[in-house]
PDB file of N, CA and C in Angstrom:
ATOM      1  N   MET A   1      42.216  26.018 -82.586  1.00  0.00           N
ATOM      2  CA  MET A   1      41.795  27.225 -81.910  1.00  0.00           C
ATOM      3  C   MET A   1      42.947  28.232 -81.959  1.00  0.00           C
ATOM      4  N   ILE A   2      42.610  29.451 -82.279  1.00  0.00           N
ATOM      5  CA  ILE A   2      43.599  30.523 -82.325  1.00  0.00           C
ATOM      6  C   ILE A   2      43.637  31.168 -80.947  1.00  0.00           C
ATOM      7  N   LEU A   3      44.810  31.189 -80.330  1.00  0.00           N
ATOM      8  CA  LEU A   3      44.957  31.785 -79.006  1.00  0.00           C
ATOM      9  C   LEU A   3      45.672  33.129 -79.119  1.00  0.00           C
ATOM     10  N   LEU A   4      45.001  34.178 -78.648  1.00  0.00           N
ATOM     11  CA  LEU A   4      45.557  35.521 -78.703  1.00  0.00           C
ATOM     12  C   LEU A   4      46.882  35.597 -77.956  1.00  0.00           C
ATOM     13  N   ARG A   5      46.990  34.913 -76.818  1.00  0.00           N
ATOM     14  CA  ARG A   5      48.223  34.988 -76.032  1.00  0.00           C
ATOM     15  C   ARG A   5      49.415  34.425 -76.809  1.00  0.00           C
ATOM     16  N   ARG A   6      49.180  33.425 -77.665  1.00  0.00           N
ATOM     17  CA  ARG A   6      50.283  32.876 -78.471  1.00  0.00           C
ATOM     18  C   ARG A   6      50.705  33.853 -79.558  1.00  0.00           C
ATOM     19  N   LEU A   7      49.717  34.458 -80.216  1.00  0.00           N
ATOM     20  CA  LEU A   7      50.038  35.446 -81.248  1.00  0.00           C
ATOM     21  C   LEU A   7      50.779  36.628 -80.636  1.00  0.00           C
ATOM     22  N   LEU A   8      50.303  37.103 -79.499  1.00  0.00           N
ATOM     23  CA  LEU A   8      50.942  38.216 -78.808  1.00  0.00           C
ATOM     24  C   LEU A   8      52.373  37.860 -78.425  1.00  0.00           C
ATOM     25  N   GLY A   9      52.568  36.675 -77.885  1.00  0.00           N
ATOM     26  CA  GLY A   9      53.908  36.229 -77.510  1.00  0.00           C
ATOM     27  C   GLY A   9      54.845  36.153 -78.698  1.00  0.00           C
ATOM     28  N   ASP A  10      54.341  35.643 -79.824  1.00  0.00           N
ATOM     29  CA  ASP A  10      55.164  35.559 -81.036  1.00  0.00           C
ATOM     30  C   ASP A  10      55.608  36.942 -81.497  1.00  0.00           C
ATOM     31  N   VAL A  11      54.682  37.896 -81.473  1.00  0.00           N
ATOM     32  CA  VAL A  11      55.001  39.255 -81.909  1.00  0.00           C
ATOM     33  C   VAL A  11      56.000  39.898 -80.948  1.00  0.00           C
ATOM     34  N   LEU A  12      55.808  39.720 -79.653  1.00  0.00           N
ATOM     35  CA  LEU A  12      56.761  40.272 -78.678  1.00  0.00           C
ATOM     36  C   LEU A  12      58.156  39.691 -78.886  1.00  0.00           C
ATOM     37  N   ARG A  13      58.236  38.381 -79.094  1.00  0.00           N
ATOM     38  CA  ARG A  13      59.535  37.733 -79.307  1.00  0.00           C
ATOM     39  C   ARG A  13      60.216  38.287 -80.564  1.00  0.00           C
ATOM     40  N   ARG A  14      59.446  38.428 -81.647  1.00  0.00           N
ATOM     41  CA  ARG A  14      60.031  38.964 -82.887  1.00  0.00           C
ATOM     42  C   ARG A  14      60.537  40.386 -82.692  1.00  0.00           C
ATOM     43  N   GLN A  15      59.758  41.201 -81.969  1.00  0.00           N
ATOM     44  CA  GLN A  15      60.190  42.579 -81.697  1.00  0.00           C
ATOM     45  C   GLN A  15      61.516  42.585 -80.938  1.00  0.00           C
ATOM     46  N   ARG A  16      61.600  41.753 -79.925  1.00  0.00           N
ATOM     47  CA  ARG A  16      62.822  41.681 -79.114  1.00  0.00           C
ATOM     48  C   ARG A  16      63.999  41.195 -79.953  1.00  0.00           C
ATOM     49  N   GLN A  17      63.777  40.157 -80.745  1.00  0.00           N
ATOM     50  CA  GLN A  17      64.856  39.590 -81.554  1.00  0.00           C
ATOM     51  C   GLN A  17      65.303  40.541 -82.657  1.00  0.00           C
ATOM     52  N   ARG A  18      64.378  41.313 -83.226  1.00  0.00           N
ATOM     53  CA  ARG A  18      64.744  42.322 -84.238  1.00  0.00           C
ATOM     54  C   ARG A  18      65.738  43.327 -83.672  1.00  0.00           C
ATOM     55  N   GLN A  19      65.595  43.594 -82.383  1.00  0.00           N
ATOM     56  CA  GLN A  19      66.490  44.551 -81.720  1.00  0.00           C
ATOM     57  C   GLN A  19      67.776  43.897 -81.238  1.00  0.00           C
ATOM     58  N   GLY A  20      67.873  42.578 -81.404  1.00  0.00           N
ATOM     59  CA  GLY A  20      69.067  41.864 -80.956  1.00  0.00           C
ATOM     60  C   GLY A  20      69.205  41.848 -79.442  1.00  0.00           C
ATOM     61  N   ARG A  21      68.085  41.882 -78.743  1.00  0.00           N
ATOM     62  CA  ARG A  21      68.117  41.923 -77.278  1.00  0.00           C
ATOM     63  C   ARG A  21      67.774  40.568 -76.693  1.00  0.00           C
ATOM     64  N   THR A  22      68.278  40.328 -75.509  1.00  0.00           N
ATOM     65  CA  THR A  22      68.025  39.067 -74.816  1.00  0.00           C
ATOM     66  C   THR A  22      66.793  39.203 -73.918  1.00  0.00           C
ATOM     67  N   LEU A  23      66.261  38.056 -73.531  1.00  0.00           N
ATOM     68  CA  LEU A  23      65.161  38.046 -72.563  1.00  0.00           C
ATOM     69  C   LEU A  23      65.583  38.746 -71.280  1.00  0.00           C
ATOM     70  N   ARG A  24      66.808  38.488 -70.851  1.00  0.00           N
ATOM     71  CA  ARG A  24      67.316  39.077 -69.610  1.00  0.00           C
ATOM     72  C   ARG A  24      67.311  40.604 -69.683  1.00  0.00           C
ATOM     73  N   GLU A  25      67.771  41.161 -70.808  1.00  0.00           N
ATOM     74  CA  GLU A  25      67.810  42.620 -70.957  1.00  0.00           C
ATOM     75  C   GLU A  25      66.405  43.225 -70.894  1.00  0.00           C
ATOM     76  N   VAL A  26      65.490  42.630 -71.642  1.00  0.00           N
ATOM     77  CA  VAL A  26      64.131  43.176 -71.697  1.00  0.00           C
ATOM     78  C   VAL A  26      63.410  42.973 -70.370  1.00  0.00           C
ATOM     79  N   SER A  27      63.591  41.817 -69.749  1.00  0.00           N
ATOM     80  CA  SER A  27      62.914  41.574 -68.466  1.00  0.00           C
ATOM     81  C   SER A  27      63.415  42.546 -67.402  1.00  0.00           C
ATOM     82  N   SER A  28      64.698  42.834 -67.424  1.00  0.00           N
ATOM     83  CA  SER A  28      65.265  43.778 -66.462  1.00  0.00           C
ATOM     84  C   SER A  28      64.709  45.182 -66.700  1.00  0.00           C
ATOM     85  N   SER A  29      64.688  45.592 -67.956  1.00  0.00           N
ATOM     86  CA  SER A  29      64.195  46.921 -68.298  1.00  0.00           C
ATOM     87  C   SER A  29      62.697  47.063 -68.007  1.00  0.00           C
ATOM     88  N   ALA A  30      61.933  45.987 -68.224  1.00  0.00           N
ATOM     89  CA  ALA A  30      60.482  46.024 -67.990  1.00  0.00           C
ATOM     90  C   ALA A  30      60.127  45.736 -66.535  1.00  0.00           C
ATOM     91  N   ARG A  31      61.121  45.346 -65.757  1.00  0.00           N
ATOM     92  CA  ARG A  31      60.924  44.988 -64.346  1.00  0.00           C
ATOM     93  C   ARG A  31      59.929  43.842 -64.169  1.00  0.00           C
ATOM     94  N   VAL A  32      60.151  42.802 -64.970  1.00  0.00           N
ATOM     95  CA  VAL A  32      59.356  41.582 -64.891  1.00  0.00           C
ATOM     96  C   VAL A  32      60.346  40.427 -64.838  1.00  0.00           C
ATOM     97  N   SER A  33      59.987  39.356 -64.166  1.00  0.00           N
ATOM     98  CA  SER A  33      60.931  38.244 -64.058  1.00  0.00           C
ATOM     99  C   SER A  33      61.198  37.642 -65.432  1.00  0.00           C
ATOM    100  N   LEU A  34      62.407  37.171 -65.606  1.00  0.00           N
ATOM    101  CA  LEU A  34      62.818  36.554 -66.858  1.00  0.00           C
ATOM    102  C   LEU A  34      61.905  35.375 -67.192  1.00  0.00           C
ATOM    103  N   GLY A  35      61.608  34.556 -66.198  1.00  0.00           N
ATOM    104  CA  GLY A  35      60.752  33.393 -66.408  1.00  0.00           C
ATOM    105  C   GLY A  35      59.358  33.769 -66.869  1.00  0.00           C
ATOM    106  N   TYR A  36      58.800  34.819 -66.274  1.00  0.00           N
ATOM    107  CA  TYR A  36      57.446  35.234 -66.644  1.00  0.00           C
ATOM    108  C   TYR A  36      57.425  35.790 -68.064  1.00  0.00           C
ATOM    109  N   LEU A  37      58.427  36.616 -68.409  1.00  0.00           N
ATOM    110  CA  LEU A  37      58.506  37.152 -69.762  1.00  0.00           C
ATOM    111  C   LEU A  37      58.652  36.018 -70.774  1.00  0.00           C
ATOM    112  N   SER A  38      59.444  35.029 -70.434  1.00  0.00           N
ATOM    113  CA  SER A  38      59.610  33.868 -71.307  1.00  0.00           C
ATOM    114  C   SER A  38      58.275  33.161 -71.521  1.00  0.00           C
ATOM    115  N   GLU A  39      57.510  32.999 -70.445  1.00  0.00           N
ATOM    116  CA  GLU A  39      56.202  32.344 -70.559  1.00  0.00           C
ATOM    117  C   GLU A  39      55.230  33.168 -71.402  1.00  0.00           C
ATOM    118  N   VAL A  40      55.306  34.485 -71.281  1.00  0.00           N
ATOM    119  CA  VAL A  40      54.452  35.356 -72.099  1.00  0.00           C
ATOM    120  C   VAL A  40      54.834  35.203 -73.568  1.00  0.00           C
ATOM    121  N   GLU A  41      56.130  35.213 -73.859  1.00  0.00           N
ATOM    122  CA  GLU A  41      56.588  35.069 -75.246  1.00  0.00           C
ATOM    123  C   GLU A  41      56.201  33.718 -75.841  1.00  0.00           C
ATOM    124  N   ARG A  42      56.152  32.692 -75.023  1.00  0.00           N
ATOM    125  CA  ARG A  42      55.788  31.353 -75.510  1.00  0.00           C
ATOM    126  C   ARG A  42      54.280  31.127 -75.506  1.00  0.00           C
ATOM    127  N   GLY A  43      53.517  32.151 -75.111  1.00  0.00           N
ATOM    128  CA  GLY A  43      52.063  32.048 -75.123  1.00  0.00           C
ATOM    129  C   GLY A  43      51.499  31.199 -74.007  1.00  0.00           C
ATOM    130  N   GLN A  44      52.283  31.014 -72.950  1.00  0.00           N
ATOM    131  CA  GLN A  44      51.830  30.190 -71.829  1.00  0.00           C
ATOM    132  C   GLN A  44      51.168  31.008 -70.731  1.00  0.00           C
ATOM    133  N   LYS A  45      51.402  32.313 -70.718  1.00  0.00           N
ATOM    134  CA  LYS A  45      50.794  33.202 -69.720  1.00  0.00           C
ATOM    135  C   LYS A  45      50.122  34.365 -70.426  1.00  0.00           C
ATOM    136  N   GLU A  46      49.004  34.796 -69.859  1.00  0.00           N
ATOM    137  CA  GLU A  46      48.312  35.990 -70.340  1.00  0.00           C
ATOM    138  C   GLU A  46      49.039  37.211 -69.781  1.00  0.00           C
ATOM    139  N   ALA A  47      49.205  38.223 -70.602  1.00  0.00           N
ATOM    140  CA  ALA A  47      49.859  39.452 -70.152  1.00  0.00           C
ATOM    141  C   ALA A  47      48.799  40.506 -69.840  1.00  0.00           C
ATOM    142  N   SER A  48      48.889  41.114 -68.672  1.00  0.00           N
ATOM    143  CA  SER A  48      47.965  42.199 -68.315  1.00  0.00           C
ATOM    144  C   SER A  48      48.322  43.438 -69.135  1.00  0.00           C
ATOM    145  N   SER A  49      47.424  44.408 -69.154  1.00  0.00           N
ATOM    146  CA  SER A  49      47.708  45.646 -69.885  1.00  0.00           C
ATOM    147  C   SER A  49      48.892  46.383 -69.259  1.00  0.00           C
ATOM    148  N   GLU A  50      49.030  46.293 -67.937  1.00  0.00           N
ATOM    149  CA  GLU A  50      50.167  46.929 -67.271  1.00  0.00           C
ATOM    150  C   GLU A  50      51.479  46.275 -67.694  1.00  0.00           C
ATOM    151  N   LEU A  51      51.487  44.947 -67.754  1.00  0.00           N
ATOM    152  CA  LEU A  51      52.688  44.226 -68.167  1.00  0.00           C
ATOM    153  C   LEU A  51      53.021  44.538 -69.623  1.00  0.00           C
ATOM    154  N   LEU A  52      52.006  44.544 -70.488  1.00  0.00           N
ATOM    155  CA  LEU A  52      52.244  44.874 -71.898  1.00  0.00           C
ATOM    156  C   LEU A  52      52.824  46.273 -72.043  1.00  0.00           C
ATOM    157  N   SER A  53      52.309  47.205 -71.268  1.00  0.00           N
ATOM    158  CA  SER A  53      52.826  48.567 -71.309  1.00  0.00           C
ATOM    159  C   SER A  53      54.295  48.603 -70.903  1.00  0.00           C
ATOM    160  N   ALA A  54      54.647  47.886 -69.848  1.00  0.00           N
ATOM    161  CA  ALA A  54      56.041  47.849 -69.387  1.00  0.00           C
ATOM    162  C   ALA A  54      56.948  47.201 -70.431  1.00  0.00           C
ATOM    163  N   ILE A  55      56.484  46.129 -71.064  1.00  0.00           N
ATOM    164  CA  ILE A  55      57.289  45.451 -72.085  1.00  0.00           C
ATOM    165  C   ILE A  55      57.448  46.352 -73.310  1.00  0.00           C
ATOM    166  N   CYS A  56      56.368  47.009 -73.714  1.00  0.00           N
ATOM    167  CA  CYS A  56      56.449  47.926 -74.852  1.00  0.00           C
ATOM    168  C   CYS A  56      57.420  49.067 -74.563  1.00  0.00           C
ATOM    169  N   ASP A  57      57.368  49.609 -73.353  1.00  0.00           N
ATOM    170  CA  ASP A  57      58.315  50.661 -72.970  1.00  0.00           C
ATOM    171  C   ASP A  57      59.741  50.141 -73.036  1.00  0.00           C
ATOM    172  N   ALA A  58      59.963  48.936 -72.535  1.00  0.00           N
ATOM    173  CA  ALA A  58      61.301  48.345 -72.544  1.00  0.00           C
ATOM    174  C   ALA A  58      61.797  48.120 -73.970  1.00  0.00           C
ATOM    175  N   LEU A  59      60.881  47.793 -74.872  1.00  0.00           N
ATOM    176  CA  LEU A  59      61.250  47.553 -76.272  1.00  0.00           C
ATOM    177  C   LEU A  59      61.200  48.833 -77.107  1.00  0.00           C
ATOM    178  N   ASP A  60      60.754  49.934 -76.502  1.00  0.00           N
ATOM    179  CA  ASP A  60      60.582  51.208 -77.197  1.00  0.00           C
ATOM    180  C   ASP A  60      59.674  51.037 -78.420  1.00  0.00           C
ATOM    181  N   VAL A  61      58.553  50.362 -78.188  1.00  0.00           N
ATOM    182  CA  VAL A  61      57.555  50.100 -79.231  1.00  0.00           C
ATOM    183  C   VAL A  61      56.219  50.612 -78.713  1.00  0.00           C
ATOM    184  N   ARG A  62      55.484  51.321 -79.546  1.00  0.00           N
ATOM    185  CA  ARG A  62      54.151  51.770 -79.146  1.00  0.00           C
ATOM    186  C   ARG A  62      53.227  50.570 -79.016  1.00  0.00           C
ATOM    187  N   MET A  63      52.390  50.593 -77.994  1.00  0.00           N
ATOM    188  CA  MET A  63      51.457  49.488 -77.810  1.00  0.00           C
ATOM    189  C   MET A  63      50.527  49.373 -79.018  1.00  0.00           C
ATOM    190  N   SER A  64      50.165  50.498 -79.613  1.00  0.00           N
ATOM    191  CA  SER A  64      49.293  50.454 -80.793  1.00  0.00           C
ATOM    192  C   SER A  64      49.972  49.720 -81.949  1.00  0.00           C
ATOM    193  N   GLU A  65      51.284  49.886 -82.100  1.00  0.00           N
ATOM    194  CA  GLU A  65      52.021  49.166 -83.148  1.00  0.00           C
ATOM    195  C   GLU A  65      52.037  47.671 -82.852  1.00  0.00           C
ATOM    196  N   LEU A  66      52.272  47.337 -81.592  1.00  0.00           N
ATOM    197  CA  LEU A  66      52.278  45.934 -81.187  1.00  0.00           C
ATOM    198  C   LEU A  66      50.913  45.302 -81.457  1.00  0.00           C
ATOM    199  N   MET A  67      49.849  45.978 -81.037  1.00  0.00           N
ATOM    200  CA  MET A  67      48.509  45.428 -81.200  1.00  0.00           C
ATOM    201  C   MET A  67      48.106  45.351 -82.674  1.00  0.00           C
ATOM    202  N   ARG A  68      48.589  46.294 -83.482  1.00  0.00           N
ATOM    203  CA  ARG A  68      48.301  46.247 -84.918  1.00  0.00           C
ATOM    204  C   ARG A  68      48.941  45.012 -85.543  1.00  0.00           C
ATOM    205  N   GLU A  69      50.188  44.729 -85.161  1.00  0.00           N
ATOM    206  CA  GLU A  69      50.872  43.546 -85.682  1.00  0.00           C
ATOM    207  C   GLU A  69      50.163  42.266 -85.220  1.00  0.00           C
ATOM    208  N   VAL A  70      49.734  42.250 -83.966  1.00  0.00           N
ATOM    209  CA  VAL A  70      48.989  41.094 -83.453  1.00  0.00           C
ATOM    210  C   VAL A  70      47.675  40.947 -84.224  1.00  0.00           C
ATOM    211  N   SER A  71      46.991  42.062 -84.474  1.00  0.00           N
ATOM    212  CA  SER A  71      45.738  42.036 -85.219  1.00  0.00           C
ATOM    213  C   SER A  71      45.942  41.488 -86.630  1.00  0.00           C
ATOM    214  N   ASP A  72      47.026  41.900 -87.286  1.00  0.00           N
ATOM    215  CA  ASP A  72      47.333  41.390 -88.627  1.00  0.00           C
ATOM    216  C   ASP A  72      47.577  39.885 -88.590  1.00  0.00           C
ATOM    217  N   GLU A  73      48.314  39.427 -87.586  1.00  0.00           N
ATOM    218  CA  GLU A  73      48.583  37.989 -87.439  1.00  0.00           C
ATOM    219  C   GLU A  73      47.280  37.221 -87.206  1.00  0.00           C
ATOM    220  N   LEU A  74      46.407  37.797 -86.389  1.00  0.00           N
ATOM    221  CA  LEU A  74      45.126  37.160 -86.095  1.00  0.00           C
ATOM    222  C   LEU A  74      44.273  37.056 -87.360  1.00  0.00           C
ATOM    223  N   ALA A  75      44.239  38.119 -88.146  1.00  0.00           N
ATOM    224  CA  ALA A  75      43.465  38.101 -89.393  1.00  0.00           C
ATOM    225  C   ALA A  75      43.987  37.025 -90.342  1.00  0.00           C
ATOM    226  N   LEU A  76      45.304  36.901 -90.462  1.00  0.00           N
ATOM    227  CA  LEU A  76      45.886  35.863 -91.318  1.00  0.00           C
ATOM    228  C   LEU A  76      45.552  34.466 -90.807  1.00  0.00           C
ATOM    229  N   ALA A  77      45.633  34.288 -89.508  1.00  0.00           N
ATOM    230  CA  ALA A  77      45.324  32.976 -88.927  1.00  0.00           C
ATOM    231  C   ALA A  77      43.856  32.617 -89.156  1.00  0.00           C
ATOM    232  N   GLU A  78      42.971  33.614 -89.027  1.00  0.00           N
ATOM    233  CA  GLU A  78      41.547  33.363 -89.268  1.00  0.00           C
ATOM    234  C   GLU A  78      41.292  33.010 -90.729  1.00  0.00           C
ATOM    235  N   LEU A  79      41.957  33.710 -91.638  1.00  0.00           N
ATOM    236  CA  LEU A  79      41.803  33.396 -93.058  1.00  0.00           C
ATOM    237  C   LEU A  79      42.307  31.995 -93.365  1.00  0.00           C
ATOM    238  N   ALA A  80      43.453  31.643 -92.793  1.00  0.00           N
ATOM    239  CA  ALA A  80      44.006  30.309 -93.020  1.00  0.00           C
ATOM    240  C   ALA A  80      43.065  29.249 -92.474  1.00  0.00           C
ATOM    241  N   ARG A  81      42.503  29.527 -91.320  1.00  0.00           N
ATOM    242  CA  ARG A  81      41.576  28.575 -90.712  1.00  0.00           C
ATOM    243  C   ARG A  81      40.316  28.415 -91.562  1.00  0.00           C
ATOM    244  N   SER A  82      39.797  29.515 -92.073  1.00  0.00           N
ATOM    245  CA  SER A  82      38.593  29.424 -92.902  1.00  0.00           C
ATOM    246  C   SER A  82      38.902  28.759 -94.239  1.00  0.00           C
ATOM    247  N   ALA A  83      40.112  28.952 -94.765  1.00  0.00           N
ATOM    248  CA  ALA A  83      40.503  28.308 -96.020  1.00  0.00           C
ATOM    249  C   ALA A  83      40.623  26.804 -95.838  1.00  0.00           C
ATOM    250  N   ALA A  84      40.996  26.379 -94.654  1.00  0.00           N
ATOM    251  CA  ALA A  84      41.155  24.952 -94.375  1.00  0.00           C
ATOM    252  C   ALA A  84      39.830  24.290 -94.011  1.00  0.00           C
ATOM    253  N   ALA A  85      38.796  25.105 -93.793  1.00  0.00           N
ATOM    254  CA  ALA A  85      37.490  24.561 -93.398  1.00  0.00           C
ATOM    255  C   ALA A  85      36.886  23.759 -94.549  1.00  0.00           C
ATOM    256  N   THR A  86      36.193  22.729 -94.198  1.00  0.00           N
ATOM    257  CA  THR A  86      35.518  21.936 -95.228  1.00  0.00           C
ATOM    258  C   THR A  86      34.326  22.721 -95.753  1.00  0.00           C
ATOM    259  N   PRO A  87      33.867  22.427 -96.980  1.00  0.00           N
ATOM    260  CA  PRO A  87      32.748  23.188 -97.551  1.00  0.00           C
ATOM    261  C   PRO A  87      31.487  23.170 -96.699  1.00  0.00           C
ATOM    262  N   SER A  88      31.312  22.156 -95.858  1.00  0.00           N
ATOM    263  CA  SER A  88      30.101  22.087 -95.040  1.00  0.00           C
ATOM    264  C   SER A  88      30.162  23.003 -93.823  1.00  0.00           C
ATOM    265  N   GLU A  89      31.353  23.510 -93.501  1.00  0.00           N
ATOM    266  CA  GLU A  89      31.487  24.400 -92.342  1.00  0.00           C
ATOM    267  C   GLU A  89      31.139  25.828 -92.747  1.00  0.00           C
ATOM    268  N   PRO A  90      30.455  26.576 -91.878  1.00  0.00           N
ATOM    269  CA  PRO A  90      30.148  27.972 -92.196  1.00  0.00           C
ATOM    270  C   PRO A  90      31.415  28.821 -92.155  1.00  0.00           C
ATOM    271  N   VAL A  91      31.412  29.887 -92.937  1.00  0.00           N
ATOM    272  CA  VAL A  91      32.542  30.809 -92.941  1.00  0.00           C
ATOM    273  C   VAL A  91      32.478  31.632 -91.667  1.00  0.00           C
ATOM    274  N   PRO A  92      33.615  31.749 -90.918  1.00  0.00           N
ATOM    275  CA  PRO A  92      33.610  32.528 -89.676  1.00  0.00           C
ATOM    276  C   PRO A  92      33.157  33.970 -89.914  1.00  0.00           C
ATOM    277  N   THR A  93      32.474  34.537 -88.959  1.00  0.00           N
ATOM    278  CA  THR A  93      31.920  35.881 -89.054  1.00  0.00           C
ATOM    279  C   THR A  93      32.934  36.937 -89.485  1.00  0.00           C
ATOM    280  N   PRO A  94      34.201  36.962 -88.945  1.00  0.00           N
ATOM    281  CA  PRO A  94      35.131  38.008 -89.368  1.00  0.00           C
ATOM    282  C   PRO A  94      35.449  37.974 -90.862  1.00  0.00           C
ATOM    283  N   VAL A  95      35.273  36.832 -91.515  1.00  0.00           N
ATOM    284  CA  VAL A  95      35.597  36.715 -92.931  1.00  0.00           C
ATOM    285  C   VAL A  95      34.408  37.107 -93.805  1.00  0.00           C
ATOM    286  N   ARG A  96      33.202  37.033 -93.264  1.00  0.00           N
ATOM    287  CA  ARG A  96      31.997  37.301 -94.054  1.00  0.00           C
ATOM    288  C   ARG A  96      32.023  38.645 -94.789  1.00  0.00           C
ATOM    289  N   PRO A  97      32.451  39.759 -94.178  1.00  0.00           N
ATOM    290  CA  PRO A  97      32.459  41.027 -94.913  1.00  0.00           C
ATOM    291  C   PRO A  97      33.327  40.975 -96.172  1.00  0.00           C
ATOM    292  N   MET A  98      34.386  40.182 -96.151  1.00  0.00           N
ATOM    293  CA  MET A  98      35.262  40.089 -97.308  1.00  0.00           C
ATOM    294  C   MET A  98      34.586  39.360 -98.455  1.00  0.00           C
ATOM    295  N   LEU A  99      33.644  38.488 -98.160  1.00  0.00           N
ATOM    296  CA  LEU A  99      32.990  37.721 -99.210  1.00  0.00           C
ATOM    297  C   LEU A  99      32.166  38.612-100.124  1.00  0.00           C
ATOM    298  N   GLY A 100      31.725  39.756 -99.617  1.00  0.00           N
ATOM    299  CA  GLY A 100      30.974  40.675-100.455  1.00  0.00           C
ATOM    300  C   GLY A 100      31.787  41.185-101.630  1.00  0.00           C
ATOM    301  N   SER A 101      33.106  41.225-101.510  1.00  0.00           N
ATOM    302  CA  SER A 101      33.952  41.711-102.590  1.00  0.00           C
ATOM    303  C   SER A 101      34.442  40.587-103.494  1.00  0.00           C
ATOM    304  N   VAL A 102      34.083  39.343-103.180  1.00  0.00           N
ATOM    305  CA  VAL A 102      34.491  38.198-103.986  1.00  0.00           C
ATOM    306  C   VAL A 102      33.323  37.804-104.869  1.00  0.00           C
ATOM    307  N   SER A 103      33.575  37.723-106.177  1.00  0.00           N
ATOM    308  CA  SER A 103      32.505  37.260-107.055  1.00  0.00           C
ATOM    309  C   SER A 103      33.060  36.257-108.050  1.00  0.00           C
ATOM    310  N   VAL A 104      32.349  35.172-108.190  1.00  0.00           N
ATOM    311  CA  VAL A 104      32.688  34.141-109.155  1.00  0.00           C
ATOM    312  C   VAL A 104      31.419  33.894-109.950  1.00  0.00           C
ATOM    313  N   ALA A 105      31.519  34.005-111.267  1.00  0.00           N
ATOM    314  CA  ALA A 105      30.340  33.882-112.123  1.00  0.00           C
ATOM    315  C   ALA A 105      29.560  32.615-111.810  1.00  0.00           C
ATOM    316  N   GLY A 106      28.281  32.787-111.512  1.00  0.00           N
ATOM    317  CA  GLY A 106      27.399  31.656-111.279  1.00  0.00           C
ATOM    318  C   GLY A 106      27.537  30.975-109.933  1.00  0.00           C
ATOM    319  N   VAL A 107      28.380  31.503-109.038  1.00  0.00           N
ATOM    320  CA  VAL A 107      28.581  30.874-107.728  1.00  0.00           C
ATOM    321  C   VAL A 107      28.159  31.861-106.649  1.00  0.00           C
ATOM    322  N   PRO A 108      27.214  31.473-105.789  1.00  0.00           N
ATOM    323  CA  PRO A 108      26.817  32.382-104.705  1.00  0.00           C
ATOM    324  C   PRO A 108      27.992  32.642-103.763  1.00  0.00           C
ATOM    325  N   PRO A 109      28.091  33.848-103.177  1.00  0.00           N
ATOM    326  CA  PRO A 109      29.227  34.198-102.316  1.00  0.00           C
ATOM    327  C   PRO A 109      29.484  33.211-101.186  1.00  0.00           C
ATOM    328  N   GLU A 110      28.422  32.621-100.618  1.00  0.00           N
ATOM    329  CA  GLU A 110      28.647  31.697 -99.503  1.00  0.00           C
ATOM    330  C   GLU A 110      29.314  30.402 -99.949  1.00  0.00           C
ATOM    331  N   ARG A 111      29.430  30.158-101.251  1.00  0.00           N
ATOM    332  CA  ARG A 111      30.077  28.945-101.752  1.00  0.00           C
ATOM    333  C   ARG A 111      31.527  29.188-102.172  1.00  0.00           C
ATOM    334  N   VAL A 112      31.994  30.438-102.110  1.00  0.00           N
ATOM    335  CA  VAL A 112      33.366  30.759-102.501  1.00  0.00           C
ATOM    336  C   VAL A 112      34.307  30.335-101.388  1.00  0.00           C
ATOM    337  N   THR A 113      35.388  29.648-101.751  1.00  0.00           N
ATOM    338  CA  THR A 113      36.398  29.234-100.785  1.00  0.00           C
ATOM    339  C   THR A 113      37.621  30.117-100.965  1.00  0.00           C
ATOM    340  N   ILE A 114      38.083  30.705 -99.878  1.00  0.00           N
ATOM    341  CA  ILE A 114      39.279  31.539 -99.915  1.00  0.00           C
ATOM    342  C   ILE A 114      40.464  30.660 -99.580  1.00  0.00           C
ATOM    343  N   LYS A 115      41.446  30.626-100.461  1.00  0.00           N
ATOM    344  CA  LYS A 115      42.641  29.805-100.251  1.00  0.00           C
ATOM    345  C   LYS A 115      43.849  30.725-100.117  1.00  0.00           C
ATOM    346  N   ALA A 116      44.769  30.363 -99.252  1.00  0.00           N
ATOM    347  CA  ALA A 116      46.025  31.092 -99.087  1.00  0.00           C
ATOM    348  C   ALA A 116      47.146  30.076 -99.106  1.00  0.00           C
ATOM    349  N   PRO A 117      48.295  30.424 -99.727  1.00  0.00           N
ATOM    350  CA  PRO A 117      49.409  29.476 -99.716  1.00  0.00           C
ATOM    351  C   PRO A 117      49.841  29.187 -98.286  1.00  0.00           C
ATOM    352  N   ALA A 118      50.076  27.922 -97.984  1.00  0.00           N
ATOM    353  CA  ALA A 118      50.434  27.513 -96.617  1.00  0.00           C
ATOM    354  C   ALA A 118      51.681  28.228 -96.130  1.00  0.00           C
ATOM    355  N   GLU A 119      52.641  28.463 -97.026  1.00  0.00           N
ATOM    356  CA  GLU A 119      53.884  29.091 -96.581  1.00  0.00           C
ATOM    357  C   GLU A 119      53.717  30.579 -96.281  1.00  0.00           C
ATOM    358  N   ALA A 120      52.603  31.172 -96.703  1.00  0.00           N
ATOM    359  CA  ALA A 120      52.385  32.598 -96.472  1.00  0.00           C
ATOM    360  C   ALA A 120      51.750  32.882 -95.125  1.00  0.00           C
ATOM    361  N   VAL A 121      51.267  31.854 -94.460  1.00  0.00           N
ATOM    362  CA  VAL A 121      50.544  32.053 -93.210  1.00  0.00           C
ATOM    363  C   VAL A 121      51.119  31.155 -92.129  1.00  0.00           C
ATOM    364  N   ASP A 122      51.433  31.741 -90.996  1.00  0.00           N
ATOM    365  CA  ASP A 122      51.923  30.978 -89.850  1.00  0.00           C
ATOM    366  C   ASP A 122      50.744  30.779 -88.908  1.00  0.00           C
ATOM    367  N   VAL A 123      50.222  29.573 -88.866  1.00  0.00           N
ATOM    368  CA  VAL A 123      49.054  29.284 -88.042  1.00  0.00           C
ATOM    369  C   VAL A 123      49.502  28.589 -86.773  1.00  0.00           C
ATOM    370  N   VAL A 124      48.986  29.046 -85.652  1.00  0.00           N
ATOM    371  CA  VAL A 124      49.308  28.453 -84.364  1.00  0.00           C
ATOM    372  C   VAL A 124      48.182  27.509 -83.988  1.00  0.00           C
ATOM    373  N   ALA A 125      48.500  26.247 -83.855  1.00  0.00           N
ATOM    374  CA  ALA A 125      47.498  25.258 -83.462  1.00  0.00           C
ATOM    375  C   ALA A 125      47.540  25.061 -81.961  1.00  0.00           C
ATOM    376  N   ALA A 126      46.373  24.889 -81.373  1.00  0.00           N
ATOM    377  CA  ALA A 126      46.302  24.694 -79.921  1.00  0.00           C
ATOM    378  C   ALA A 126      46.579  23.256 -79.569  1.00  0.00           C
TER     379      ALA A 126
END
């Protein structure tokens, strides 16, 4: 199962680490406890929109940029999950629109398997 809170936490942690900042610095600037921010980064707590706004302000990152990165991670995780699905499993709905652009001579689109190199996708398992 793909958990949005884990993907969000991973992206927040990467943003913070790219800036070379500590949890303590960001938690102080965002006015959130260090422990709670740590739990959000580890995907153990859900972050409210108010908390996300405060963290984004502390990191000087637009929330739209953060959510775009999370969305990209989610799309990759969904593709990896569908690639790992056995042929008897249906293709998840978010992937179905992409199948229209895939054509293999003599093979109906619902039989096409999308594969991605394992090292190219970071999948979070529940």
